[in-house]
C-alpha cells in the first residue's frame, strides 16, 4: 500500500512539475511572439517612412520639371 501511495504521489508531483514547465514554456513563447511583433511593427514603420520620403521626393522632382516646362513655354511665346 505504501508503494502505491508513493507512486501516486510521485505521479502527481511529476504532473505538477510538468504543468509548471508548460506554463514557463508558454510564457517564453508569448514573450518571443511579442518581441517579434514589436520588431515587425518597427520594420513596417521604417518602410512606410521610406516610402513617404520617396513619394515626397518624386513629387518635388515633378513640380521642378513642371516649372522648367512653364518657363520654357513662356520663352517660346516671347520669341515669337
PDB file of N, CA and C in Angstrom:
ATOM      1  N   UNK A   1       0.815  -1.191   0.000  1.00  0.00           N
ATOM      2  CA  UNK A   1       0.000   0.000   0.000  1.00  0.00           C
ATOM      3  C   UNK A   1       0.860   1.257   0.000  1.00  0.00           C
ATOM      4  N   UNK A   2       1.914   1.271   0.744  1.00  0.00           N
ATOM      5  CA  UNK A   2       2.801   2.423   0.785  1.00  0.00           C
ATOM      6  C   UNK A   2       3.421   2.677  -0.580  1.00  0.00           C
ATOM      7  N   UNK A   3       3.758   1.606  -1.292  1.00  0.00           N
ATOM      8  CA  UNK A   3       4.350   1.755  -2.614  1.00  0.00           C
ATOM      9  C   UNK A   3       3.370   2.389  -3.593  1.00  0.00           C
ATOM     10  N   UNK A   4       2.110   1.969  -3.552  1.00  0.00           N
ATOM     11  CA  UNK A   4       1.118   2.527  -4.476  1.00  0.00           C
ATOM     12  C   UNK A   4       0.832   3.993  -4.146  1.00  0.00           C
ATOM     13  N   UNK A   5       0.766   4.330  -2.869  1.00  0.00           N
ATOM     14  CA  UNK A   5       0.546   5.718  -2.464  1.00  0.00           C
ATOM     15  C   UNK A   5       1.751   6.561  -2.876  1.00  0.00           C
ATOM     16  N   UNK A   6       2.943   6.018  -2.645  1.00  0.00           N
ATOM     17  CA  UNK A   6       4.154   6.731  -3.030  1.00  0.00           C
ATOM     18  C   UNK A   6       4.198   6.937  -4.549  1.00  0.00           C
ATOM     19  N   UNK A   7       3.786   5.935  -5.305  1.00  0.00           N
ATOM     20  CA  UNK A   7       3.771   6.025  -6.759  1.00  0.00           C
ATOM     21  C   UNK A   7       2.787   7.095  -7.226  1.00  0.00           C
ATOM     22  N   UNK A   8       1.613   7.119  -6.624  1.00  0.00           N
ATOM     23  CA  UNK A   8       0.609   8.137  -6.987  1.00  0.00           C
ATOM     24  C   UNK A   8       1.089   9.540  -6.648  1.00  0.00           C
ATOM     25  N   UNK A   9       1.706   9.678  -5.468  1.00  0.00           N
ATOM     26  CA  UNK A   9       2.241  10.978  -5.082  1.00  0.00           C
ATOM     27  C   UNK A   9       3.345  11.413  -6.044  1.00  0.00           C
ATOM     28  N   UNK A  10       4.173  10.486  -6.444  1.00  0.00           N
ATOM     29  CA  UNK A  10       5.249  10.786  -7.391  1.00  0.00           C
ATOM     30  C   UNK A  10       4.657  11.204  -8.738  1.00  0.00           C
ATOM     31  N   UNK A  11       3.621  10.498  -9.200  1.00  0.00           N
ATOM     32  CA  UNK A  11       2.971  10.853 -10.463  1.00  0.00           C
ATOM     33  C   UNK A  11       2.333  12.240 -10.368  1.00  0.00           C
ATOM     34  N   UNK A  12       1.688  12.522  -9.240  1.00  0.00           N
ATOM     35  CA  UNK A  12       1.065  13.827  -9.041  1.00  0.00           C
ATOM     36  C   UNK A  12       2.122  14.929  -9.041  1.00  0.00           C
ATOM     37  N   UNK A  13       3.220  14.683  -8.342  1.00  0.00           N
ATOM     38  CA  UNK A  13       4.305  15.655  -8.300  1.00  0.00           C
ATOM     39  C   UNK A  13       4.886  15.877  -9.696  1.00  0.00           C
ATOM     40  N   UNK A  14       5.065  14.803 -10.456  1.00  0.00           N
ATOM     41  CA  UNK A  14       5.575  14.926 -11.823  1.00  0.00           C
ATOM     42  C   UNK A  14       4.623  15.730 -12.699  1.00  0.00           C
ATOM     43  N   UNK A  15       3.322  15.492 -12.546  1.00  0.00           N
ATOM     44  CA  UNK A  15       2.351  16.224 -13.369  1.00  0.00           C
ATOM     45  C   UNK A  15       2.330  17.706 -13.000  1.00  0.00           C
ATOM     46  N   UNK A  16       2.486  18.004 -11.707  1.00  0.00           N
ATOM     47  CA  UNK A  16       2.529  19.400 -11.269  1.00  0.00           C
ATOM     48  C   UNK A  16       3.766  20.084 -11.831  1.00  0.00           C
ATOM     49  N   UNK A  17       4.899  19.415 -11.786  1.00  0.00           N
ATOM     50  CA  UNK A  17       6.132  19.986 -12.332  1.00  0.00           C
ATOM     51  C   UNK A  17       6.036  20.152 -13.850  1.00  0.00           C
ATOM     52  N   UNK A  18       5.399  19.191 -14.510  1.00  0.00           N
ATOM     53  CA  UNK A  18       5.231  19.288 -15.963  1.00  0.00           C
ATOM     54  C   UNK A  18       4.329  20.465 -16.315  1.00  0.00           C
ATOM     55  N   UNK A  19       3.268  20.663 -15.537  1.00  0.00           N
ATOM     56  CA  UNK A  19       2.390  21.817 -15.770  1.00  0.00           C
ATOM     57  C   UNK A  19       3.148  23.123 -15.577  1.00  0.00           C
ATOM     58  N   UNK A  20       4.006  23.171 -14.573  1.00  0.00           N
ATOM     59  CA  UNK A  20       4.803  24.373 -14.334  1.00  0.00           C
ATOM     60  C   UNK A  20       5.746  24.624 -15.505  1.00  0.00           C
ATOM     61  N   UNK A  21       6.363  23.538 -16.022  1.00  0.00           N
ATOM     62  CA  UNK A  21       7.248  23.682 -17.175  1.00  0.00           C
ATOM     63  C   UNK A  21       6.481  24.162 -18.394  1.00  0.00           C
ATOM     64  N   UNK A  22       5.283  23.637 -18.587  1.00  0.00           N
ATOM     65  CA  UNK A  22       4.456  24.050 -19.722  1.00  0.00           C
ATOM     66  C   UNK A  22       4.086  25.521 -19.609  1.00  0.00           C
ATOM     67  N   UNK A  23       3.756  25.964 -18.406  1.00  0.00           N
ATOM     68  CA  UNK A  23       3.422  27.369 -18.196  1.00  0.00           C
ATOM     69  C   UNK A  23       4.622  28.259 -18.504  1.00  0.00           C
ATOM     70  N   UNK A  24       5.802  27.847 -18.076  1.00  0.00           N
ATOM     71  CA  UNK A  24       7.013  28.614 -18.362  1.00  0.00           C
ATOM     72  C   UNK A  24       7.289  28.655 -19.866  1.00  0.00           C
ATOM     73  N   UNK A  25       7.096  27.519 -20.542  1.00  0.00           N
ATOM     74  CA  UNK A  25       7.312  27.477 -21.986  1.00  0.00           C
ATOM     75  C   UNK A  25       6.323  28.386 -22.706  1.00  0.00           C
ATOM     76  N   UNK A  26       5.062  28.355 -22.277  1.00  0.00           N
ATOM     77  CA  UNK A  26       4.052  29.229 -22.885  1.00  0.00           C
ATOM     78  C   UNK A  26       4.372  30.698 -22.642  1.00  0.00           C
ATOM     79  N   UNK A  27       4.857  30.999 -21.451  1.00  0.00           N
ATOM     80  CA  UNK A  27       5.235  32.368 -21.128  1.00  0.00           C
ATOM     81  C   UNK A  27       6.397  32.817 -22.012  1.00  0.00           C
ATOM     82  N   UNK A  28       7.372  31.933 -22.216  1.00  0.00           N
ATOM     83  CA  UNK A  28       8.521  32.248 -23.068  1.00  0.00           C
ATOM     84  C   UNK A  28       8.070  32.440 -24.514  1.00  0.00           C
ATOM     85  N   UNK A  29       7.181  31.586 -24.987  1.00  0.00           N
ATOM     86  CA  UNK A  29       6.662  31.708 -26.354  1.00  0.00           C
ATOM     87  C   UNK A  29       5.915  33.027 -26.519  1.00  0.00           C
ATOM     88  N   UNK A  30       5.130  33.405 -25.531  1.00  0.00           N
ATOM     89  CA  UNK A  30       4.391  34.669 -25.585  1.00  0.00           C
ATOM     90  C   UNK A  30       5.345  35.859 -25.629  1.00  0.00           C
ATOM     91  N   UNK A  31       6.396  35.820 -24.826  1.00  0.00           N
ATOM     92  CA  UNK A  31       7.383  36.899 -24.829  1.00  0.00           C
ATOM     93  C   UNK A  31       8.091  36.985 -26.180  1.00  0.00           C
ATOM     94  N   UNK A  32       8.439  35.837 -26.728  1.00  0.00           N
ATOM     95  CA  UNK A  32       9.097  35.819 -28.042  1.00  0.00           C
ATOM     96  C   UNK A  32       8.189  36.386 -29.121  1.00  0.00           C
ATOM     97  N   UNK A  33       6.918  36.005 -29.081  1.00  0.00           N
ATOM     98  CA  UNK A  33       5.998  36.498 -30.108  1.00  0.00           C
ATOM     99  C   UNK A  33       5.769  37.999 -29.963  1.00  0.00           C
ATOM    100  N   UNK A  34       5.708  38.505 -28.745  1.00  0.00           N
ATOM    101  CA  UNK A  34       5.561  39.948 -28.540  1.00  0.00           C
ATOM    102  C   UNK A  34       6.792  40.698 -29.039  1.00  0.00           C
ATOM    103  N   UNK A  35       7.978  40.149 -28.786  1.00  0.00           N
ATOM    104  CA  UNK A  35       9.208  40.768 -29.248  1.00  0.00           C
ATOM    105  C   UNK A  35       9.253  40.768 -30.776  1.00  0.00           C
ATOM    106  N   UNK A  36       8.860  39.654 -31.374  1.00  0.00           N
ATOM    107  CA  UNK A  36       8.843  39.577 -32.836  1.00  0.00           C
ATOM    108  C   UNK A  36       7.825  40.537 -33.432  1.00  0.00           C
ATOM    109  N   UNK A  37       6.674  40.668 -32.786  1.00  0.00           N
ATOM    110  CA  UNK A  37       5.649  41.583 -33.279  1.00  0.00           C
ATOM    111  C   UNK A  37       6.142  43.027 -33.190  1.00  0.00           C
ATOM    112  N   UNK A  38       6.826  43.359 -32.106  1.00  0.00           N
ATOM    113  CA  UNK A  38       7.390  44.696 -31.970  1.00  0.00           C
ATOM    114  C   UNK A  38       8.421  44.979 -33.050  1.00  0.00           C
ATOM    115  N   UNK A  39       9.265  44.008 -33.337  1.00  0.00           N
ATOM    116  CA  UNK A  39      10.269  44.166 -34.388  1.00  0.00           C
ATOM    117  C   UNK A  39       9.606  44.331 -35.750  1.00  0.00           C
ATOM    118  N   UNK A  40       8.564  43.533 -35.995  1.00  0.00           N
ATOM    119  CA  UNK A  40       7.830  43.622 -37.258  1.00  0.00           C
ATOM    120  C   UNK A  40       7.184  44.994 -37.417  1.00  0.00           C
ATOM    121  N   UNK A  41       6.575  45.513 -36.366  1.00  0.00           N
ATOM    122  CA  UNK A  41       5.949  46.829 -36.422  1.00  0.00           C
ATOM    123  C   UNK A  41       6.987  47.928 -36.660  1.00  0.00           C
ATOM    124  N   UNK A  42       8.157  47.772 -36.047  1.00  0.00           N
ATOM    125  CA  UNK A  42       9.228  48.750 -36.255  1.00  0.00           C
ATOM    126  C   UNK A  42       9.682  48.734 -37.713  1.00  0.00           C
ATOM    127  N   UNK A  43       9.852  47.553 -38.282  1.00  0.00           N
ATOM    128  CA  UNK A  43      10.247  47.455 -39.691  1.00  0.00           C
ATOM    129  C   UNK A  43       9.186  48.053 -40.602  1.00  0.00           C
ATOM    130  N   UNK A  44       7.929  47.821 -40.266  1.00  0.00           N
ATOM    131  CA  UNK A  44       6.829  48.353 -41.079  1.00  0.00           C
ATOM    132  C   UNK A  44       6.822  49.885 -41.031  1.00  0.00           C
ATOM    133  N   UNK A  45       7.045  50.456 -39.854  1.00  0.00           N
ATOM    134  CA  UNK A  45       7.092  51.919 -39.734  1.00  0.00           C
ATOM    135  C   UNK A  45       8.246  52.494 -40.540  1.00  0.00           C
ATOM    136  N   UNK A  46       9.399  51.828 -40.470  1.00  0.00           N
ATOM    137  CA  UNK A  46      10.552  52.303 -41.233  1.00  0.00           C
ATOM    138  C   UNK A  46      10.280  52.242 -42.732  1.00  0.00           C
ATOM    139  N   UNK A  47       9.633  51.177 -43.180  1.00  0.00           N
ATOM    140  CA  UNK A  47       9.318  51.036 -44.601  1.00  0.00           C
ATOM    141  C   UNK A  47       8.348  52.117 -45.050  1.00  0.00           C
ATOM    142  N   UNK A  48       7.330  52.384 -44.238  1.00  0.00           N
ATOM    143  CA  UNK A  48       6.365  53.438 -44.580  1.00  0.00           C
ATOM    144  C   UNK A  48       7.037  54.810 -44.625  1.00  0.00           C
ATOM    145  N   UNK A  49       7.928  55.067 -43.685  1.00  0.00           N
ATOM    146  CA  UNK A  49       8.638  56.352 -43.681  1.00  0.00           C
ATOM    147  C   UNK A  49       9.498  56.492 -44.934  1.00  0.00           C
ATOM    148  N   UNK A  50      10.147  55.418 -45.330  1.00  0.00           N
ATOM    149  CA  UNK A  50      10.976  55.455 -46.539  1.00  0.00           C
ATOM    150  C   UNK A  50      10.110  55.679 -47.776  1.00  0.00           C
ATOM    151  N   UNK A  51       8.962  55.002 -47.847  1.00  0.00           N
ATOM    152  CA  UNK A  51       8.056  55.193 -48.983  1.00  0.00           C
ATOM    153  C   UNK A  51       7.529  56.632 -49.028  1.00  0.00           C
ATOM    154  N   UNK A  52       7.223  57.182 -47.875  1.00  0.00           N
ATOM    155  CA  UNK A  52       6.728  58.561 -47.811  1.00  0.00           C
ATOM    156  C   UNK A  52       7.805  59.538 -48.277  1.00  0.00           C
ATOM    157  N   UNK A  53       9.038  59.328 -47.819  1.00  0.00           N
ATOM    158  CA  UNK A  53      10.143  60.182 -48.223  1.00  0.00           C
ATOM    159  C   UNK A  53      10.364  60.102 -49.735  1.00  0.00           C
ATOM    160  N   UNK A  54      10.308  58.902 -50.288  1.00  0.00           N
ATOM    161  CA  UNK A  54      10.473  58.736 -51.737  1.00  0.00           C
ATOM    162  C   UNK A  54       9.336  59.403 -52.509  1.00  0.00           C
ATOM    163  N   UNK A  55       8.105  59.296 -52.008  1.00  0.00           N
ATOM    164  CA  UNK A  55       6.966  59.925 -52.679  1.00  0.00           C
ATOM    165  C   UNK A  55       7.114  61.441 -52.687  1.00  0.00           C
ATOM    166  N   UNK A  56       7.517  62.011 -51.569  1.00  0.00           N
ATOM    167  CA  UNK A  56       7.704  63.467 -51.492  1.00  0.00           C
ATOM    168  C   UNK A  56       8.804  63.907 -52.445  1.00  0.00           C
ATOM    169  N   UNK A  57       9.875  63.098 -52.532  1.00  0.00           N
ATOM    170  CA  UNK A  57      10.971  63.433 -53.442  1.00  0.00           C
ATOM    171  C   UNK A  57      10.479  63.399 -54.900  1.00  0.00           C
ATOM    172  N   UNK A  58       9.694  62.408 -55.255  1.00  0.00           N
ATOM    173  CA  UNK A  58       9.172  62.317 -56.629  1.00  0.00           C
ATOM    174  C   UNK A  58       8.235  63.479 -56.943  1.00  0.00           C
ATOM    175  N   UNK A  59       7.413  63.856 -55.985  1.00  0.00           N
ATOM    176  CA  UNK A  59       6.510  64.994 -56.194  1.00  0.00           C
ATOM    177  C   UNK A  59       7.332  66.268 -56.394  1.00  0.00           C
ATOM    178  N   UNK A  60       8.368  66.443 -55.595  1.00  0.00           N
ATOM    179  CA  UNK A  60       9.237  67.618 -55.728  1.00  0.00           C
ATOM    180  C   UNK A  60       9.906  67.671 -57.092  1.00  0.00           C
ATOM    181  N   UNK A  61      10.404  66.533 -57.560  1.00  0.00           N
ATOM    182  CA  UNK A  61      11.032  66.487 -58.882  1.00  0.00           C
ATOM    183  C   UNK A  61      10.007  66.812 -59.962  1.00  0.00           C
ATOM    184  N   UNK A  62       8.800  66.296 -59.823  1.00  0.00           N
ATOM    185  CA  UNK A  62       7.731  66.577 -60.784  1.00  0.00           C
ATOM    186  C   UNK A  62       7.389  68.051 -60.837  1.00  0.00           C
ATOM    187  N   UNK A  63       7.296  68.685 -59.673  1.00  0.00           N
ATOM    188  CA  UNK A  63       6.991  70.113 -59.616  1.00  0.00           C
ATOM    189  C   UNK A  63       8.127  70.911 -60.253  1.00  0.00           C
ATOM    190  N   UNK A  64       9.371  70.494 -60.002  1.00  0.00           N
ATOM    191  CA  UNK A  64      10.520  71.192 -60.597  1.00  0.00           C
ATOM    192  C   UNK A  64      10.477  71.095 -62.121  1.00  0.00           C
ATOM    193  N   UNK A  65      10.187  69.919 -62.655  1.00  0.00           N
ATOM    194  CA  UNK A  65      10.083  69.762 -64.105  1.00  0.00           C
ATOM    195  C   UNK A  65       8.915  70.566 -64.672  1.00  0.00           C
ATOM    196  N   UNK A  66       7.823  70.651 -63.936  1.00  0.00           N
ATOM    197  CA  UNK A  66       6.682  71.454 -64.385  1.00  0.00           C
ATOM    198  C   UNK A  66       7.067  72.926 -64.477  1.00  0.00           C
ATOM    199  N   UNK A  67       7.812  73.405 -63.491  1.00  0.00           N
ATOM    200  CA  UNK A  67       8.267  74.804 -63.510  1.00  0.00           C
ATOM    201  C   UNK A  67       9.191  75.041 -64.704  1.00  0.00           C
ATOM    202  N   UNK A  68      10.111  74.093 -64.937  1.00  0.00           N
ATOM    203  CA  UNK A  68      11.017  74.224 -66.091  1.00  0.00           C
ATOM    204  C   UNK A  68      10.211  74.238 -67.385  1.00  0.00           C
ATOM    205  N   UNK A  69       9.192  73.404 -67.490  1.00  0.00           N
ATOM    206  CA  UNK A  69       8.350  73.363 -68.682  1.00  0.00           C
ATOM    207  C   UNK A  69       7.619  74.685 -68.886  1.00  0.00           C
ATOM    208  N   UNK A  70       7.059  75.226 -67.834  1.00  0.00           N
ATOM    209  CA  UNK A  70       6.343  76.501 -67.927  1.00  0.00           C
ATOM    210  C   UNK A  70       7.296  77.614 -68.357  1.00  0.00           C
ATOM    211  N   UNK A  71       8.480  77.648 -67.773  1.00  0.00           N
ATOM    212  CA  UNK A  71       9.466  78.670 -68.145  1.00  0.00           C
ATOM    213  C   UNK A  71       9.846  78.524 -69.614  1.00  0.00           C
ATOM    214  N   UNK A  72      10.063  77.292 -70.074  1.00  0.00           N
ATOM    215  CA  UNK A  72      10.418  77.057 -71.469  1.00  0.00           C
ATOM    216  C   UNK A  72       9.315  77.471 -72.417  1.00  0.00           C
ATOM    217  N   UNK A  73       8.070  77.182 -72.077  1.00  0.00           N
ATOM    218  CA  UNK A  73       6.945  77.586 -72.927  1.00  0.00           C
ATOM    219  C   UNK A  73       6.786  79.102 -72.962  1.00  0.00           C
ATOM    220  N   UNK A  74       7.029  79.774 -71.865  1.00  0.00           N
ATOM    221  CA  UNK A  74       6.927  81.241 -71.836  1.00  0.00           C
ATOM    222  C   UNK A  74       8.001  81.865 -72.718  1.00  0.00           C
ATOM    223  N   UNK A  75       9.185  81.304 -72.708  1.00  0.00           N
ATOM    224  CA  UNK A  75      10.269  81.833 -73.537  1.00  0.00           C
ATOM    225  C   UNK A  75       9.941  81.681 -75.026  1.00  0.00           C
ATOM    226  N   UNK A  76       9.321  80.563 -75.374  1.00  0.00           N
ATOM    227  CA  UNK A  76       8.941  80.355 -76.771  1.00  0.00           C
ATOM    228  C   UNK A  76       7.950  81.406 -77.225  1.00  0.00           C
ATOM    229  N   UNK A  77       6.975  81.694 -76.354  1.00  0.00           N
ATOM    230  CA  UNK A  77       5.955  82.688 -76.706  1.00  0.00           C
ATOM    231  C   UNK A  77       6.582  84.067 -76.874  1.00  0.00           C
ATOM    232  N   UNK A  78       7.535  84.386 -75.986  1.00  0.00           N
ATOM    233  CA  UNK A  78       8.159  85.709 -76.059  1.00  0.00           C
ATOM    234  C   UNK A  78       9.013  85.847 -77.316  1.00  0.00           C
ATOM    235  N   UNK A  79       9.636  84.783 -77.808  1.00  0.00           N
ATOM    236  CA  UNK A  79      10.471  84.852 -79.002  1.00  0.00           C
ATOM    237  C   UNK A  79       9.634  85.023 -80.264  1.00  0.00           C
ATOM    238  N   UNK A  80       8.419  84.497 -80.296  1.00  0.00           N
ATOM    239  CA  UNK A  80       7.566  84.594 -81.477  1.00  0.00           C
ATOM    240  C   UNK A  80       7.026  85.974 -81.565  1.00  0.00           C
TER     241      UNK A  80
END
